[in-house]
């Protein structure tokens, strides 16, 4: 269900998407609200599920992650039980960063990180292919990250 966002709500969201570590005092000054009103609005946006999580970007290479890949998976037979089992398993795997159910010739799209190509190969064979129902796996390895953002654009009225 959509909730109605006014200009202050949008300003709060935009500011927090840009820098989620900003203090409430700084945020209130930036958008022109009192600190208490700003805090109440931010709390409401969290309670309504608009703001779901605060996060940071980590430079993968600085922590030893040399490989990012997008892996497409087909299940066979594709039914609710097998899909639910697949998703439950994927949600427990830490190096699967994102999982999407997609249209087209594949059923799922995974964003995966690995130390190197050898560990990625082992991961696909030993972990992904071992999930019941996994039939086909196709991977594209990221050569360069040209854009990376979590910012959802908001239209200002």
N, C-alpha and C. Protein backbone atom coordinates (compact mmCIF):
# COMPACT_ATOMS: atom_id res chain seq x y z
N UNK A 1 0.84 -1.18 0.00
CA UNK A 1 0.00 0.00 0.00
C UNK A 1 0.88 1.24 0.00
N UNK A 2 0.60 2.16 -0.89
CA UNK A 2 1.35 3.41 -0.97
C UNK A 2 0.95 4.33 0.16
N UNK A 3 1.93 5.07 0.68
CA UNK A 3 1.60 6.11 1.64
C UNK A 3 1.91 7.44 0.98
N UNK A 4 1.23 8.46 1.43
CA UNK A 4 1.41 9.79 0.86
C UNK A 4 2.64 10.44 1.49
N UNK A 5 3.54 10.90 0.65
CA UNK A 5 4.75 11.58 1.11
C UNK A 5 4.68 13.05 0.74
N UNK A 6 4.87 13.92 1.72
CA UNK A 6 4.92 15.34 1.40
C UNK A 6 6.37 15.74 1.15
N UNK A 7 6.59 17.03 0.90
CA UNK A 7 7.93 17.52 0.56
C UNK A 7 8.93 17.26 1.68
N UNK A 8 8.51 17.38 2.95
CA UNK A 8 9.42 17.13 4.07
C UNK A 8 9.82 15.65 4.13
N UNK A 9 8.83 14.76 3.96
CA UNK A 9 9.13 13.32 3.96
C UNK A 9 10.13 12.99 2.85
N UNK A 10 9.90 13.53 1.66
CA UNK A 10 10.81 13.27 0.54
C UNK A 10 12.20 13.83 0.81
N UNK A 11 12.26 15.00 1.44
CA UNK A 11 13.55 15.60 1.76
C UNK A 11 14.30 14.74 2.78
N UNK A 12 13.58 14.21 3.76
CA UNK A 12 14.19 13.32 4.76
C UNK A 12 14.74 12.07 4.07
N UNK A 13 13.93 11.46 3.24
CA UNK A 13 14.34 10.24 2.54
C UNK A 13 15.56 10.51 1.66
N UNK A 14 15.52 11.59 0.89
CA UNK A 14 16.65 11.91 0.01
C UNK A 14 17.93 12.14 0.81
N UNK A 15 17.82 12.88 1.91
CA UNK A 15 19.00 13.17 2.73
C UNK A 15 19.57 11.90 3.34
N UNK A 16 18.71 11.03 3.85
CA UNK A 16 19.18 9.79 4.48
C UNK A 16 19.71 8.80 3.44
N UNK A 17 19.17 8.83 2.23
CA UNK A 17 19.73 7.98 1.18
C UNK A 17 21.13 8.45 0.80
N UNK A 18 21.36 9.74 0.87
CA UNK A 18 22.68 10.30 0.55
C UNK A 18 23.68 10.01 1.66
N UNK A 19 23.25 10.15 2.92
CA UNK A 19 24.15 9.92 4.07
C UNK A 19 23.31 9.49 5.26
N UNK A 20 23.22 8.19 5.48
CA UNK A 20 22.38 7.68 6.56
C UNK A 20 23.00 7.89 7.94
N UNK A 21 24.23 8.37 7.99
CA UNK A 21 24.87 8.62 9.29
C UNK A 21 24.64 10.04 9.80
N UNK A 22 23.92 10.84 9.05
CA UNK A 22 23.65 12.22 9.45
C UNK A 22 22.85 12.24 10.76
N UNK A 23 23.17 13.18 11.62
CA UNK A 23 22.44 13.28 12.89
C UNK A 23 21.06 13.89 12.65
N UNK A 24 20.15 13.65 13.58
CA UNK A 24 18.82 14.23 13.47
C UNK A 24 18.89 15.75 13.47
N UNK A 25 19.79 16.32 14.26
CA UNK A 25 19.94 17.78 14.31
C UNK A 25 20.38 18.32 12.95
N UNK A 26 21.38 17.69 12.34
CA UNK A 26 21.83 18.11 11.01
C UNK A 26 20.71 17.96 9.98
N UNK A 27 20.01 16.84 10.06
CA UNK A 27 18.91 16.58 9.13
C UNK A 27 17.82 17.63 9.28
N UNK A 28 17.46 17.95 10.51
CA UNK A 28 16.40 18.93 10.74
C UNK A 28 16.78 20.30 10.19
N UNK A 29 18.04 20.70 10.37
CA UNK A 29 18.51 21.99 9.82
C UNK A 29 18.48 21.96 8.29
N UNK A 30 18.88 20.84 7.72
CA UNK A 30 18.95 20.71 6.27
C UNK A 30 17.58 20.85 5.61
N UNK A 31 16.55 20.29 6.25
CA UNK A 31 15.23 20.29 5.60
C UNK A 31 14.28 21.36 6.14
N UNK A 32 14.69 22.06 7.20
CA UNK A 32 13.88 23.16 7.70
C UNK A 32 12.76 22.77 8.64
N UNK A 33 12.98 21.75 9.45
CA UNK A 33 12.03 21.35 10.48
C UNK A 33 12.71 21.39 11.84
N UNK A 34 11.91 21.46 12.89
CA UNK A 34 12.48 21.36 14.23
C UNK A 34 13.01 19.94 14.42
N UNK A 35 14.00 19.76 15.31
CA UNK A 35 14.52 18.41 15.54
C UNK A 35 13.45 17.41 15.97
N UNK A 36 12.51 17.85 16.81
CA UNK A 36 11.47 16.91 17.27
C UNK A 36 10.53 16.52 16.14
N UNK A 37 10.17 17.47 15.29
CA UNK A 37 9.29 17.16 14.15
C UNK A 37 10.01 16.26 13.15
N UNK A 38 11.29 16.53 12.94
CA UNK A 38 12.09 15.72 12.02
C UNK A 38 12.20 14.28 12.54
N UNK A 39 12.48 14.13 13.83
CA UNK A 39 12.59 12.80 14.43
C UNK A 39 11.27 12.04 14.35
N UNK A 40 10.17 12.74 14.60
CA UNK A 40 8.85 12.10 14.53
C UNK A 40 8.55 11.61 13.12
N UNK A 41 8.88 12.43 12.13
CA UNK A 41 8.65 12.03 10.73
C UNK A 41 9.53 10.85 10.34
N UNK A 42 10.80 10.89 10.76
CA UNK A 42 11.71 9.80 10.44
C UNK A 42 11.23 8.51 11.08
N UNK A 43 10.80 8.60 12.33
CA UNK A 43 10.27 7.42 13.04
C UNK A 43 9.03 6.89 12.32
N UNK A 44 8.15 7.76 11.87
CA UNK A 44 6.95 7.35 11.15
C UNK A 44 7.31 6.66 9.83
N UNK A 45 8.30 7.20 9.12
CA UNK A 45 8.74 6.59 7.87
C UNK A 45 9.29 5.18 8.11
N UNK A 46 9.95 4.98 9.24
CA UNK A 46 10.44 3.64 9.60
C UNK A 46 9.27 2.72 9.93
N UNK A 47 8.34 3.21 10.75
CA UNK A 47 7.19 2.40 11.16
C UNK A 47 6.32 2.01 9.96
N UNK A 48 6.22 2.89 8.98
CA UNK A 48 5.42 2.62 7.78
C UNK A 48 6.16 1.71 6.80
N UNK A 49 7.43 1.43 7.08
CA UNK A 49 8.20 0.55 6.20
C UNK A 49 8.82 1.24 5.00
N UNK A 50 8.72 2.57 4.95
CA UNK A 50 9.35 3.31 3.85
C UNK A 50 10.86 3.24 4.01
N UNK A 51 11.34 3.56 5.20
CA UNK A 51 12.76 3.40 5.53
C UNK A 51 12.88 2.02 6.17
N UNK A 52 13.63 1.15 5.51
CA UNK A 52 13.72 -0.23 5.99
C UNK A 52 15.04 -0.54 6.68
N UNK A 53 16.10 0.14 6.28
CA UNK A 53 17.42 -0.26 6.80
C UNK A 53 18.43 0.85 6.51
N UNK A 54 19.37 1.04 7.40
CA UNK A 54 20.49 1.94 7.16
C UNK A 54 21.70 1.08 6.84
N UNK A 55 22.53 1.52 5.89
CA UNK A 55 23.65 0.68 5.48
C UNK A 55 24.85 1.52 5.06
N UNK A 56 25.95 0.85 4.79
CA UNK A 56 27.16 1.49 4.26
C UNK A 56 27.63 0.68 3.06
N UNK A 57 28.35 1.32 2.16
CA UNK A 57 29.00 0.62 1.06
C UNK A 57 30.39 0.22 1.51
N UNK A 58 30.79 -0.99 1.22
CA UNK A 58 32.12 -1.50 1.54
C UNK A 58 32.87 -1.72 0.23
N UNK A 59 34.14 -1.33 0.19
CA UNK A 59 34.98 -1.60 -0.97
C UNK A 59 35.39 -3.06 -0.91
N UNK A 60 34.79 -3.87 -1.76
CA UNK A 60 35.00 -5.31 -1.72
C UNK A 60 36.47 -5.69 -1.82
N UNK A 61 37.19 -5.04 -2.71
CA UNK A 61 38.59 -5.40 -2.94
C UNK A 61 39.45 -5.19 -1.70
N UNK A 62 39.12 -4.18 -0.89
CA UNK A 62 39.89 -3.91 0.32
C UNK A 62 39.70 -4.98 1.40
N UNK A 63 38.64 -5.77 1.26
CA UNK A 63 38.42 -6.85 2.23
C UNK A 63 38.59 -8.23 1.60
N UNK A 64 39.23 -8.26 0.44
CA UNK A 64 39.58 -9.54 -0.17
C UNK A 64 38.55 -10.16 -1.08
N UNK A 65 37.53 -9.42 -1.46
CA UNK A 65 36.53 -9.92 -2.41
C UNK A 65 36.93 -9.45 -3.80
N UNK A 66 37.34 -10.37 -4.64
CA UNK A 66 37.83 -10.02 -5.97
C UNK A 66 36.80 -10.27 -7.07
N UNK A 67 35.71 -10.95 -6.75
CA UNK A 67 34.78 -11.34 -7.80
C UNK A 67 33.34 -11.00 -7.41
N UNK A 68 32.67 -10.33 -8.31
CA UNK A 68 31.22 -10.08 -8.22
C UNK A 68 30.61 -10.71 -9.46
N UNK A 69 29.53 -11.43 -9.28
CA UNK A 69 28.89 -12.09 -10.42
C UNK A 69 27.38 -12.01 -10.30
N UNK A 70 26.74 -12.03 -11.44
CA UNK A 70 25.29 -12.16 -11.51
C UNK A 70 25.01 -13.56 -12.06
N UNK A 71 24.35 -14.35 -11.25
CA UNK A 71 24.10 -15.75 -11.59
C UNK A 71 22.60 -15.96 -11.78
N UNK A 72 22.25 -16.49 -12.95
CA UNK A 72 20.86 -16.78 -13.27
C UNK A 72 20.60 -18.26 -13.05
N UNK A 73 19.48 -18.56 -12.41
CA UNK A 73 19.18 -19.94 -12.02
C UNK A 73 17.80 -20.34 -12.54
N UNK A 74 17.74 -21.56 -13.07
CA UNK A 74 16.46 -22.18 -13.42
C UNK A 74 16.21 -23.35 -12.48
N UNK A 75 14.97 -23.48 -12.06
CA UNK A 75 14.55 -24.62 -11.25
C UNK A 75 13.72 -25.56 -12.11
N UNK A 76 13.81 -26.85 -11.81
CA UNK A 76 12.99 -27.83 -12.51
C UNK A 76 12.71 -28.99 -11.57
N UNK A 77 11.47 -29.35 -11.39
CA UNK A 77 10.31 -28.63 -11.89
C UNK A 77 10.11 -27.34 -11.09
N UNK A 78 9.59 -26.34 -11.74
CA UNK A 78 9.33 -25.07 -11.06
C UNK A 78 7.94 -25.14 -10.44
N UNK A 79 7.92 -25.30 -9.13
CA UNK A 79 6.66 -25.26 -8.40
C UNK A 79 6.89 -24.52 -7.10
N UNK A 80 5.83 -24.22 -6.40
CA UNK A 80 5.92 -23.39 -5.19
C UNK A 80 6.82 -24.01 -4.12
N UNK A 81 6.70 -25.31 -3.91
CA UNK A 81 7.50 -25.96 -2.87
C UNK A 81 9.00 -25.87 -3.17
N UNK A 82 9.37 -26.17 -4.40
CA UNK A 82 10.79 -26.11 -4.78
C UNK A 82 11.29 -24.67 -4.75
N UNK A 83 10.48 -23.74 -5.24
CA UNK A 83 10.88 -22.33 -5.22
C UNK A 83 11.04 -21.83 -3.79
N UNK A 84 10.11 -22.17 -2.91
CA UNK A 84 10.21 -21.73 -1.50
C UNK A 84 11.44 -22.32 -0.82
N UNK A 85 11.73 -23.58 -1.10
CA UNK A 85 12.93 -24.21 -0.55
C UNK A 85 14.20 -23.53 -1.07
N UNK A 86 14.21 -23.24 -2.37
CA UNK A 86 15.35 -22.55 -2.97
C UNK A 86 15.57 -21.20 -2.30
N UNK A 87 14.49 -20.43 -2.15
CA UNK A 87 14.61 -19.09 -1.55
C UNK A 87 15.03 -19.17 -0.09
N UNK A 88 14.51 -20.12 0.65
CA UNK A 88 14.91 -20.28 2.05
C UNK A 88 16.40 -20.60 2.15
N UNK A 89 16.88 -21.43 1.26
CA UNK A 89 18.30 -21.78 1.25
C UNK A 89 19.15 -20.58 0.85
N UNK A 90 18.76 -19.89 -0.20
CA UNK A 90 19.50 -18.71 -0.68
C UNK A 90 19.59 -17.65 0.41
N UNK A 91 18.51 -17.46 1.16
CA UNK A 91 18.50 -16.44 2.22
C UNK A 91 19.49 -16.74 3.33
N UNK A 92 19.97 -17.96 3.43
CA UNK A 92 20.95 -18.34 4.45
C UNK A 92 22.40 -18.27 3.95
N UNK A 93 22.60 -17.98 2.68
CA UNK A 93 23.95 -17.98 2.09
C UNK A 93 24.49 -16.56 2.08
N UNK A 94 25.54 -16.31 2.85
CA UNK A 94 26.03 -14.94 3.04
C UNK A 94 26.64 -14.32 1.79
N UNK A 95 27.23 -15.09 0.91
CA UNK A 95 27.81 -14.45 -0.26
C UNK A 95 26.83 -14.27 -1.42
N UNK A 96 25.57 -14.62 -1.21
CA UNK A 96 24.51 -14.18 -2.13
C UNK A 96 23.96 -12.89 -1.54
N UNK A 97 24.30 -11.77 -2.18
CA UNK A 97 23.92 -10.46 -1.65
C UNK A 97 22.49 -10.10 -1.98
N UNK A 98 22.03 -10.49 -3.16
CA UNK A 98 20.69 -10.15 -3.60
C UNK A 98 20.12 -11.32 -4.38
N UNK A 99 18.80 -11.46 -4.32
CA UNK A 99 18.11 -12.51 -5.07
C UNK A 99 16.81 -11.93 -5.59
N UNK A 100 16.57 -12.09 -6.87
CA UNK A 100 15.35 -11.59 -7.50
C UNK A 100 14.66 -12.72 -8.25
N UNK A 101 13.34 -12.78 -8.13
CA UNK A 101 12.54 -13.63 -9.00
C UNK A 101 12.30 -12.82 -10.26
N UNK A 102 12.60 -13.39 -11.43
CA UNK A 102 12.57 -12.61 -12.66
C UNK A 102 11.72 -13.28 -13.73
N UNK A 103 11.39 -12.49 -14.73
CA UNK A 103 10.70 -13.02 -15.91
C UNK A 103 11.74 -13.37 -16.96
N UNK A 104 11.30 -14.02 -18.01
CA UNK A 104 12.22 -14.36 -19.09
C UNK A 104 12.61 -15.82 -19.03
N UNK A 105 13.78 -16.11 -19.56
CA UNK A 105 14.20 -17.51 -19.68
C UNK A 105 14.78 -18.08 -18.39
N UNK A 106 14.98 -17.27 -17.38
CA UNK A 106 15.51 -17.72 -16.09
C UNK A 106 14.49 -17.44 -14.99
N UNK A 107 14.61 -18.16 -13.88
CA UNK A 107 13.67 -18.01 -12.77
C UNK A 107 14.16 -17.03 -11.71
N UNK A 108 15.48 -17.04 -11.44
CA UNK A 108 16.05 -16.20 -10.38
C UNK A 108 17.34 -15.56 -10.86
N UNK A 109 17.61 -14.37 -10.34
CA UNK A 109 18.86 -13.66 -10.59
C UNK A 109 19.51 -13.40 -9.25
N UNK A 110 20.75 -13.86 -9.09
CA UNK A 110 21.49 -13.70 -7.84
C UNK A 110 22.68 -12.78 -8.05
N UNK A 111 22.93 -11.92 -7.09
CA UNK A 111 24.18 -11.16 -7.06
C UNK A 111 25.06 -11.85 -6.03
N UNK A 112 26.23 -12.31 -6.48
CA UNK A 112 27.10 -13.15 -5.66
C UNK A 112 28.48 -12.53 -5.57
N UNK A 113 29.12 -12.65 -4.41
CA UNK A 113 30.52 -12.23 -4.26
C UNK A 113 31.35 -13.45 -3.85
N UNK A 114 32.62 -13.41 -4.26
CA UNK A 114 33.54 -14.50 -3.91
C UNK A 114 34.96 -13.95 -3.84
N UNK A 115 35.80 -14.66 -3.13
CA UNK A 115 37.20 -14.26 -2.98
C UNK A 115 37.90 -14.23 -4.34
N UNK A 116 37.67 -15.24 -5.14
CA UNK A 116 38.33 -15.34 -6.44
C UNK A 116 37.55 -16.31 -7.32
N UNK A 117 38.03 -16.52 -8.53
CA UNK A 117 37.30 -17.37 -9.48
C UNK A 117 37.24 -18.82 -9.01
N UNK A 118 38.29 -19.28 -8.38
CA UNK A 118 38.31 -20.66 -7.89
C UNK A 118 37.26 -20.88 -6.80
N UNK A 119 37.19 -19.96 -5.85
CA UNK A 119 36.18 -20.11 -4.78
C UNK A 119 34.77 -19.92 -5.34
N UNK A 120 34.63 -19.09 -6.37
CA UNK A 120 33.32 -18.92 -7.01
C UNK A 120 32.90 -20.23 -7.68
N UNK A 121 33.81 -20.85 -8.41
CA UNK A 121 33.51 -22.12 -9.07
C UNK A 121 33.06 -23.16 -8.04
N UNK A 122 33.81 -23.25 -6.94
CA UNK A 122 33.44 -24.20 -5.88
C UNK A 122 32.08 -23.87 -5.29
N UNK A 123 31.80 -22.59 -5.11
CA UNK A 123 30.52 -22.15 -4.58
C UNK A 123 29.37 -22.60 -5.48
N UNK A 124 29.51 -22.37 -6.77
CA UNK A 124 28.46 -22.76 -7.71
C UNK A 124 28.24 -24.28 -7.68
N UNK A 125 29.32 -25.03 -7.75
CA UNK A 125 29.21 -26.49 -7.81
C UNK A 125 28.72 -27.07 -6.48
N UNK A 126 29.34 -26.64 -5.38
CA UNK A 126 29.07 -27.26 -4.08
C UNK A 126 27.85 -26.70 -3.36
N UNK A 127 27.49 -25.47 -3.65
CA UNK A 127 26.39 -24.84 -2.92
C UNK A 127 25.15 -24.65 -3.79
N UNK A 128 25.28 -23.90 -4.87
CA UNK A 128 24.10 -23.59 -5.69
C UNK A 128 23.57 -24.85 -6.38
N UNK A 129 24.45 -25.60 -7.03
CA UNK A 129 23.99 -26.80 -7.75
C UNK A 129 23.50 -27.89 -6.80
N UNK A 130 23.84 -27.78 -5.52
CA UNK A 130 23.39 -28.77 -4.53
C UNK A 130 21.99 -28.49 -4.00
N UNK A 131 21.44 -27.33 -4.31
CA UNK A 131 20.09 -27.00 -3.84
C UNK A 131 19.09 -27.82 -4.66
N UNK A 132 18.20 -28.56 -4.00
CA UNK A 132 17.22 -29.37 -4.73
C UNK A 132 16.39 -28.52 -5.71
N UNK A 133 16.29 -29.01 -6.94
CA UNK A 133 15.50 -28.34 -7.96
C UNK A 133 16.32 -27.46 -8.89
N UNK A 134 17.55 -27.12 -8.52
CA UNK A 134 18.37 -26.29 -9.41
C UNK A 134 18.72 -27.11 -10.64
N UNK A 135 18.34 -26.57 -11.80
CA UNK A 135 18.51 -27.28 -13.06
C UNK A 135 19.60 -26.65 -13.92
N UNK A 136 19.55 -25.33 -14.08
CA UNK A 136 20.52 -24.63 -14.93
C UNK A 136 21.05 -23.42 -14.18
N UNK A 137 22.33 -23.14 -14.41
CA UNK A 137 22.98 -21.97 -13.81
C UNK A 137 23.79 -21.30 -14.91
N UNK A 138 23.63 -19.99 -15.03
CA UNK A 138 24.39 -19.21 -16.01
C UNK A 138 24.90 -17.97 -15.30
N UNK A 139 26.16 -17.63 -15.52
CA UNK A 139 26.78 -16.54 -14.77
C UNK A 139 27.41 -15.51 -15.69
N UNK A 140 27.26 -14.25 -15.32
CA UNK A 140 28.02 -13.15 -15.91
C UNK A 140 28.88 -12.57 -14.81
N UNK A 141 30.18 -12.50 -15.06
CA UNK A 141 31.11 -11.97 -14.07
C UNK A 141 31.31 -10.48 -14.33
N UNK A 142 31.25 -9.70 -13.26
CA UNK A 142 31.42 -8.25 -13.36
C UNK A 142 32.88 -7.94 -13.63
N UNK A 143 33.14 -7.18 -14.70
CA UNK A 143 34.51 -6.76 -15.01
C UNK A 143 34.82 -5.42 -14.34
N UNK A 144 33.80 -4.55 -14.24
CA UNK A 144 33.97 -3.24 -13.63
C UNK A 144 32.62 -2.76 -13.13
N UNK A 145 32.60 -2.15 -11.96
CA UNK A 145 31.37 -1.55 -11.44
C UNK A 145 31.36 -0.09 -11.88
N UNK A 146 30.47 0.25 -12.80
CA UNK A 146 30.42 1.59 -13.37
C UNK A 146 29.44 2.50 -12.65
N UNK A 147 28.46 1.93 -11.98
CA UNK A 147 27.52 2.71 -11.18
C UNK A 147 27.03 1.81 -10.06
N UNK A 148 26.97 2.38 -8.87
CA UNK A 148 26.51 1.61 -7.71
C UNK A 148 25.77 2.57 -6.79
N UNK A 149 24.51 2.32 -6.58
CA UNK A 149 23.72 3.18 -5.70
C UNK A 149 22.57 2.38 -5.11
N UNK A 150 22.12 2.81 -3.96
CA UNK A 150 20.89 2.29 -3.37
C UNK A 150 19.81 3.37 -3.36
N UNK A 151 20.13 4.52 -3.93
CA UNK A 151 19.23 5.67 -3.89
C UNK A 151 18.05 5.47 -4.84
N UNK A 152 16.85 5.49 -4.27
CA UNK A 152 15.62 5.42 -5.05
C UNK A 152 15.21 6.86 -5.37
N UNK A 153 15.09 7.21 -6.66
CA UNK A 153 14.75 8.59 -6.99
C UNK A 153 13.31 8.92 -6.58
N UNK A 154 13.15 10.09 -5.98
CA UNK A 154 11.83 10.57 -5.58
C UNK A 154 11.50 11.80 -6.41
N UNK A 155 10.28 11.87 -6.88
CA UNK A 155 9.83 13.02 -7.65
C UNK A 155 9.31 14.06 -6.66
N UNK A 156 9.83 15.27 -6.76
CA UNK A 156 9.34 16.35 -5.90
C UNK A 156 8.16 17.03 -6.57
N UNK A 157 7.14 17.30 -5.77
CA UNK A 157 5.94 17.97 -6.29
C UNK A 157 6.20 19.45 -6.50
